[in-house]
């Protein structure tokens, strides 16, 4: 028996390919006990969030999911009706937070790219001006070393723009899915 109405014609798990189930003694176990916010704005408990996010991450992003919270019969069921809103609010905030992190990451990448390009230009200019071709083995080694050093300075910006943003974007997509995922409380 569900204490919360099924979202938009869906009665999890029937309409969903997969469900995430959490068994709780009270609704309060789901939320951070140190957070003074009202119930519908509370932050999820860290362990609860990790479990939910980890469970969602195991399924492909396109797979429809539902969160089923199993509770014993009792007075806390009256508060269970606002759990979906609280969970959606929490993960909507996490989407915003991830988007902000991604923007900051690309901003840092642009700074690193400018610094790397300037350093590379200095290394190439120094190589051309100081170590003219054909001036000996030691000069040639130093000239090649400067060229390599300049390209090594480009490693970090290249890593930022090619690889480091993927996990942040993936996490934002997971949070976006969680922010709209049906949440149903059921009596055990």
C-alpha atoms as a PDB file:
ATOM      1  CA  UNK A   1       0.000   0.000   0.000  1.00  0.00           C
ATOM      2  CA  UNK A   2       1.432   3.363  -0.987  1.00  0.00           C
ATOM      3  CA  UNK A   3       0.914   6.352   1.246  1.00  0.00           C
ATOM      4  CA  UNK A   4       1.996   8.731  -1.502  1.00  0.00           C
ATOM      5  CA  UNK A   5       0.025   8.966  -4.739  1.00  0.00           C
ATOM      6  CA  UNK A   6       1.832   7.477  -7.737  1.00  0.00           C
ATOM      7  CA  UNK A   7       3.391  10.191  -9.903  1.00  0.00           C
ATOM      8  CA  UNK A   8       1.658  10.944 -13.230  1.00  0.00           C
ATOM      9  CA  UNK A   9      -0.004   7.598 -13.898  1.00  0.00           C
ATOM     10  CA  UNK A  10       2.953   5.579 -12.680  1.00  0.00           C
ATOM     11  CA  UNK A  11       2.786   2.983  -9.948  1.00  0.00           C
ATOM     12  CA  UNK A  12       6.412   1.981  -9.337  1.00  0.00           C
ATOM     13  CA  UNK A  13       7.765  -0.527  -9.943  1.00  0.00           C
ATOM     14  CA  UNK A  14       5.240  -1.483 -12.649  1.00  0.00           C
ATOM     15  CA  UNK A  15       5.936   1.464 -14.992  1.00  0.00           C
ATOM     16  CA  UNK A  16       9.621   1.696 -14.221  1.00  0.00           C
ATOM     17  CA  UNK A  17      12.327  -0.578 -15.497  1.00  0.00           C
ATOM     18  CA  UNK A  18      14.125  -0.505 -12.161  1.00  0.00           C
ATOM     19  CA  UNK A  19      13.515   0.605  -8.599  1.00  0.00           C
ATOM     20  CA  UNK A  20      15.771   1.686  -5.794  1.00  0.00           C
ATOM     21  CA  UNK A  21      14.429   0.537  -2.465  1.00  0.00           C
ATOM     22  CA  UNK A  22      15.245   1.942   0.951  1.00  0.00           C
ATOM     23  CA  UNK A  23      13.867   0.493   4.162  1.00  0.00           C
ATOM     24  CA  UNK A  24      13.626   3.020   7.004  1.00  0.00           C
ATOM     25  CA  UNK A  25      12.306   3.005  10.558  1.00  0.00           C
ATOM     26  CA  UNK A  26      11.427   6.706  10.298  1.00  0.00           C
ATOM     27  CA  UNK A  27      11.367   9.313   7.523  1.00  0.00           C
ATOM     28  CA  UNK A  28      13.918  11.372   9.471  1.00  0.00           C
ATOM     29  CA  UNK A  29      16.614   8.746   8.776  1.00  0.00           C
ATOM     30  CA  UNK A  30      16.682   9.972   5.192  1.00  0.00           C
ATOM     31  CA  UNK A  31      17.700  13.514   6.142  1.00  0.00           C
ATOM     32  CA  UNK A  32      20.700  15.208   7.724  1.00  0.00           C
ATOM     33  CA  UNK A  33      19.812  15.614  11.397  1.00  0.00           C
ATOM     34  CA  UNK A  34      22.065  18.688  11.765  1.00  0.00           C
ATOM     35  CA  UNK A  35      20.302  20.602   8.984  1.00  0.00           C
ATOM     36  CA  UNK A  36      17.953  23.179  10.584  1.00  0.00           C
ATOM     37  CA  UNK A  37      15.928  23.685   7.363  1.00  0.00           C
ATOM     38  CA  UNK A  38      12.229  22.861   7.185  1.00  0.00           C
ATOM     39  CA  UNK A  39      11.499  19.253   6.205  1.00  0.00           C
ATOM     40  CA  UNK A  40      10.793  19.883   2.498  1.00  0.00           C
ATOM     41  CA  UNK A  41      14.074  21.787   2.119  1.00  0.00           C
ATOM     42  CA  UNK A  42      16.297  19.524   4.221  1.00  0.00           C
ATOM     43  CA  UNK A  43      19.542  18.111   2.994  1.00  0.00           C
ATOM     44  CA  UNK A  44      19.653  14.351   2.543  1.00  0.00           C
ATOM     45  CA  UNK A  45      21.853  12.345   4.861  1.00  0.00           C
ATOM     46  CA  UNK A  46      25.248  11.798   3.215  1.00  0.00           C
ATOM     47  CA  UNK A  47      25.029   8.007   3.370  1.00  0.00           C
ATOM     48  CA  UNK A  48      21.474   8.006   2.028  1.00  0.00           C
ATOM     49  CA  UNK A  49      22.524  10.259  -0.869  1.00  0.00           C
ATOM     50  CA  UNK A  50      25.546   8.067  -1.657  1.00  0.00           C
ATOM     51  CA  UNK A  51      23.365   4.956  -1.674  1.00  0.00           C
ATOM     52  CA  UNK A  52      20.731   6.535  -3.941  1.00  0.00           C
ATOM     53  CA  UNK A  53      23.271   8.081  -6.348  1.00  0.00           C
ATOM     54  CA  UNK A  54      25.315   4.864  -6.449  1.00  0.00           C
ATOM     55  CA  UNK A  55      22.210   2.836  -7.206  1.00  0.00           C
ATOM     56  CA  UNK A  56      21.157   5.174 -10.012  1.00  0.00           C
ATOM     57  CA  UNK A  57      24.699   5.171 -11.412  1.00  0.00           C
ATOM     58  CA  UNK A  58      24.533   1.385 -11.839  1.00  0.00           C
ATOM     59  CA  UNK A  59      21.708   1.686 -14.377  1.00  0.00           C
ATOM     60  CA  UNK A  60      22.015   3.392 -17.773  1.00  0.00           C
ATOM     61  CA  UNK A  61      20.868   7.030 -17.660  1.00  0.00           C
ATOM     62  CA  UNK A  62      18.045   6.287 -20.115  1.00  0.00           C
ATOM     63  CA  UNK A  63      16.548   3.604 -17.853  1.00  0.00           C
ATOM     64  CA  UNK A  64      13.432   4.848 -16.045  1.00  0.00           C
ATOM     65  CA  UNK A  65      13.816   4.443 -12.291  1.00  0.00           C
ATOM     66  CA  UNK A  66      11.739   4.981  -9.172  1.00  0.00           C
ATOM     67  CA  UNK A  67      12.716   5.339  -5.538  1.00  0.00           C
ATOM     68  CA  UNK A  68      10.592   3.245  -3.165  1.00  0.00           C
ATOM     69  CA  UNK A  69      10.865   4.082   0.517  1.00  0.00           C
ATOM     70  CA  UNK A  70       9.538   1.320   2.740  1.00  0.00           C
ATOM     71  CA  UNK A  71       8.297   2.486   6.148  1.00  0.00           C
ATOM     72  CA  UNK A  72       6.542   0.767   9.031  1.00  0.00           C
ATOM     73  CA  UNK A  73       3.002   1.863   9.794  1.00  0.00           C
ATOM     74  CA  UNK A  74       2.965   4.760  12.216  1.00  0.00           C
ATOM     75  CA  UNK A  75       2.583   8.486  12.649  1.00  0.00           C
ATOM     76  CA  UNK A  76       5.613   9.349  10.486  1.00  0.00           C
ATOM     77  CA  UNK A  77       3.681   8.337   7.376  1.00  0.00           C
ATOM     78  CA  UNK A  78       1.916  11.702   7.418  1.00  0.00           C
ATOM     79  CA  UNK A  79       5.320  13.320   6.805  1.00  0.00           C
ATOM     80  CA  UNK A  80       6.170  10.788   4.091  1.00  0.00           C
ATOM     81  CA  UNK A  81       3.938  12.577   1.592  1.00  0.00           C
ATOM     82  CA  UNK A  82       6.421  15.445   1.314  1.00  0.00           C
ATOM     83  CA  UNK A  83       9.430  13.141   0.847  1.00  0.00           C
ATOM     84  CA  UNK A  84       9.258  13.304  -2.954  1.00  0.00           C
ATOM     85  CA  UNK A  85       9.406  17.116  -2.888  1.00  0.00           C
ATOM     86  CA  UNK A  86      12.257  17.070  -0.368  1.00  0.00           C
ATOM     87  CA  UNK A  87      14.275  14.601  -2.458  1.00  0.00           C
ATOM     88  CA  UNK A  88      13.579  16.509  -5.676  1.00  0.00           C
ATOM     89  CA  UNK A  89      14.572  19.804  -4.000  1.00  0.00           C
ATOM     90  CA  UNK A  90      17.812  18.250  -2.726  1.00  0.00           C
ATOM     91  CA  UNK A  91      18.843  16.867  -6.100  1.00  0.00           C
ATOM     92  CA  UNK A  92      17.751  20.014  -7.963  1.00  0.00           C
ATOM     93  CA  UNK A  93      20.135  21.923  -5.717  1.00  0.00           C
ATOM     94  CA  UNK A  94      22.852  19.337  -6.474  1.00  0.00           C
ATOM     95  CA  UNK A  95      22.264  19.857 -10.241  1.00  0.00           C
ATOM     96  CA  UNK A  96      22.770  23.602  -9.760  1.00  0.00           C
ATOM     97  CA  UNK A  97      25.868  22.924  -7.669  1.00  0.00           C
ATOM     98  CA  UNK A  98      27.322  20.578 -10.337  1.00  0.00           C
ATOM     99  CA  UNK A  99      26.624  23.106 -13.101  1.00  0.00           C
ATOM    100  CA  UNK A 100      28.426  25.759 -11.046  1.00  0.00           C
ATOM    101  CA  UNK A 101      31.369  23.373 -10.523  1.00  0.00           C
ATOM    102  CA  UNK A 102      31.513  22.692 -14.264  1.00  0.00           C
ATOM    103  CA  UNK A 103      31.498  26.408 -15.117  1.00  0.00           C
ATOM    104  CA  UNK A 104      34.264  26.989 -12.552  1.00  0.00           C
ATOM    105  CA  UNK A 105      36.212  24.065 -13.964  1.00  0.00           C
ATOM    106  CA  UNK A 106      36.077  25.500 -17.503  1.00  0.00           C
ATOM    107  CA  UNK A 107      36.945  28.974 -16.177  1.00  0.00           C
ATOM    108  CA  UNK A 108      40.038  27.495 -14.497  1.00  0.00           C
ATOM    109  CA  UNK A 109      40.770  25.634 -17.750  1.00  0.00           C
ATOM    110  CA  UNK A 110      40.702  28.865 -19.745  1.00  0.00           C
ATOM    111  CA  UNK A 111      43.142  30.473 -17.288  1.00  0.00           C
ATOM    112  CA  UNK A 112      45.409  27.421 -17.434  1.00  0.00           C
ATOM    113  CA  UNK A 113      45.223  27.481 -21.244  1.00  0.00           C
ATOM    114  CA  UNK A 114      46.270  31.150 -21.402  1.00  0.00           C
ATOM    115  CA  UNK A 115      49.153  30.534 -18.993  1.00  0.00           C
ATOM    116  CA  UNK A 116      50.209  27.391 -20.872  1.00  0.00           C
ATOM    117  CA  UNK A 117      50.099  29.109 -24.269  1.00  0.00           C
ATOM    118  CA  UNK A 118      52.090  32.082 -22.935  1.00  0.00           C
ATOM    119  CA  UNK A 119      54.705  29.765 -21.427  1.00  0.00           C
ATOM    120  CA  UNK A 120      54.879  27.716 -24.637  1.00  0.00           C
ATOM    121  CA  UNK A 121      55.341  30.910 -26.670  1.00  0.00           C
ATOM    122  CA  UNK A 122      58.155  32.025 -24.321  1.00  0.00           C
ATOM    123  CA  UNK A 123      59.858  28.628 -24.600  1.00  0.00           C
ATOM    124  CA  UNK A 124      59.620  28.614 -28.411  1.00  0.00           C
ATOM    125  CA  UNK A 125      60.836  32.238 -28.657  1.00  0.00           C
ATOM    126  CA  UNK A 126      63.755  31.559 -26.280  1.00  0.00           C
ATOM    127  CA  UNK A 127      64.647  28.450 -28.252  1.00  0.00           C
ATOM    128  CA  UNK A 128      64.697  30.368 -31.530  1.00  0.00           C
ATOM    129  CA  UNK A 129      66.579  33.404 -30.203  1.00  0.00           C
ATOM    130  CA  UNK A 130      69.135  31.845 -27.862  1.00  0.00           C
ATOM    131  CA  UNK A 131      69.769  28.427 -29.287  1.00  0.00           C
ATOM    132  CA  UNK A 132      70.260  28.888 -32.993  1.00  0.00           C
ATOM    133  CA  UNK A 133      70.321  25.637 -34.984  1.00  0.00           C
ATOM    134  CA  UNK A 134      73.723  24.094 -35.599  1.00  0.00           C
ATOM    135  CA  UNK A 135      75.511  25.534 -32.537  1.00  0.00           C
ATOM    136  CA  UNK A 136      76.455  22.238 -30.939  1.00  0.00           C
ATOM    137  CA  UNK A 137      75.046  19.186 -29.193  1.00  0.00           C
ATOM    138  CA  UNK A 138      74.547  20.843 -25.809  1.00  0.00           C
ATOM    139  CA  UNK A 139      72.738  23.811 -27.343  1.00  0.00           C
ATOM    140  CA  UNK A 140      70.542  21.487 -29.370  1.00  0.00           C
ATOM    141  CA  UNK A 141      69.675  19.461 -26.245  1.00  0.00           C
ATOM    142  CA  UNK A 142      68.760  22.639 -24.355  1.00  0.00           C
ATOM    143  CA  UNK A 143      66.714  23.890 -27.319  1.00  0.00           C
ATOM    144  CA  UNK A 144      64.769  20.616 -27.532  1.00  0.00           C
ATOM    145  CA  UNK A 145      64.363  20.641 -23.746  1.00  0.00           C
ATOM    146  CA  UNK A 146      62.744  24.084 -23.926  1.00  0.00           C
ATOM    147  CA  UNK A 147      60.367  22.888 -26.620  1.00  0.00           C
ATOM    148  CA  UNK A 148      59.389  19.837 -24.560  1.00  0.00           C
ATOM    149  CA  UNK A 149      59.019  21.985 -21.433  1.00  0.00           C
ATOM    150  CA  UNK A 150      56.655  24.309 -23.295  1.00  0.00           C
ATOM    151  CA  UNK A 151      54.464  21.426 -24.419  1.00  0.00           C
ATOM    152  CA  UNK A 152      54.477  19.873 -20.941  1.00  0.00           C
ATOM    153  CA  UNK A 153      53.064  23.184 -19.667  1.00  0.00           C
ATOM    154  CA  UNK A 154      50.093  22.548 -21.991  1.00  0.00           C
ATOM    155  CA  UNK A 155      49.347  19.171 -20.373  1.00  0.00           C
ATOM    156  CA  UNK A 156      47.064  20.521 -17.636  1.00  0.00           C
ATOM    157  CA  UNK A 157      44.815  22.676 -19.858  1.00  0.00           C
ATOM    158  CA  UNK A 158      44.505  19.841 -22.363  1.00  0.00           C
ATOM    159  CA  UNK A 159      43.582  17.420 -19.571  1.00  0.00           C
ATOM    160  CA  UNK A 160      40.933  19.850 -18.283  1.00  0.00           C
ATOM    161  CA  UNK A 161      39.277  20.323 -21.686  1.00  0.00           C
ATOM    162  CA  UNK A 162      39.542  16.718 -22.861  1.00  0.00           C
ATOM    163  CA  UNK A 163      38.967  14.549 -19.792  1.00  0.00           C
ATOM    164  CA  UNK A 164      38.392  16.191 -16.400  1.00  0.00           C
ATOM    165  CA  UNK A 165      34.933  17.597 -17.145  1.00  0.00           C
ATOM    166  CA  UNK A 166      33.308  14.229 -17.997  1.00  0.00           C
ATOM    167  CA  UNK A 167      32.779  13.028 -14.391  1.00  0.00           C
ATOM    168  CA  UNK A 168      31.313  16.403 -13.365  1.00  0.00           C
ATOM    169  CA  UNK A 169      28.873  16.370 -16.300  1.00  0.00           C
ATOM    170  CA  UNK A 170      27.931  12.738 -15.619  1.00  0.00           C
ATOM    171  CA  UNK A 171      27.210  13.567 -11.985  1.00  0.00           C
ATOM    172  CA  UNK A 172      25.041  16.529 -13.034  1.00  0.00           C
ATOM    173  CA  UNK A 173      23.053  14.240 -15.342  1.00  0.00           C
ATOM    174  CA  UNK A 174      22.565  11.726 -12.498  1.00  0.00           C
ATOM    175  CA  UNK A 175      21.346  14.487 -10.190  1.00  0.00           C
ATOM    176  CA  UNK A 176      18.983  15.782 -12.895  1.00  0.00           C
ATOM    177  CA  UNK A 177      17.501  12.296 -13.213  1.00  0.00           C
ATOM    178  CA  UNK A 178      17.115  12.046  -9.443  1.00  0.00           C
ATOM    179  CA  UNK A 179      15.475  15.479  -9.301  1.00  0.00           C
ATOM    180  CA  UNK A 180      12.583  14.154 -11.402  1.00  0.00           C
ATOM    181  CA  UNK A 181      12.523  10.471 -10.421  1.00  0.00           C
ATOM    182  CA  UNK A 182       9.235   9.210  -8.927  1.00  0.00           C
ATOM    183  CA  UNK A 183       9.468   8.668  -5.158  1.00  0.00           C
ATOM    184  CA  UNK A 184       6.894   6.490  -3.434  1.00  0.00           C
ATOM    185  CA  UNK A 185       6.552   5.654   0.257  1.00  0.00           C
ATOM    186  CA  UNK A 186       5.078   2.231   0.995  1.00  0.00           C
ATOM    187  CA  UNK A 187       4.004   0.670   4.261  1.00  0.00           C
ATOM    188  CA  UNK A 188       5.914  -2.483   5.128  1.00  0.00           C
END
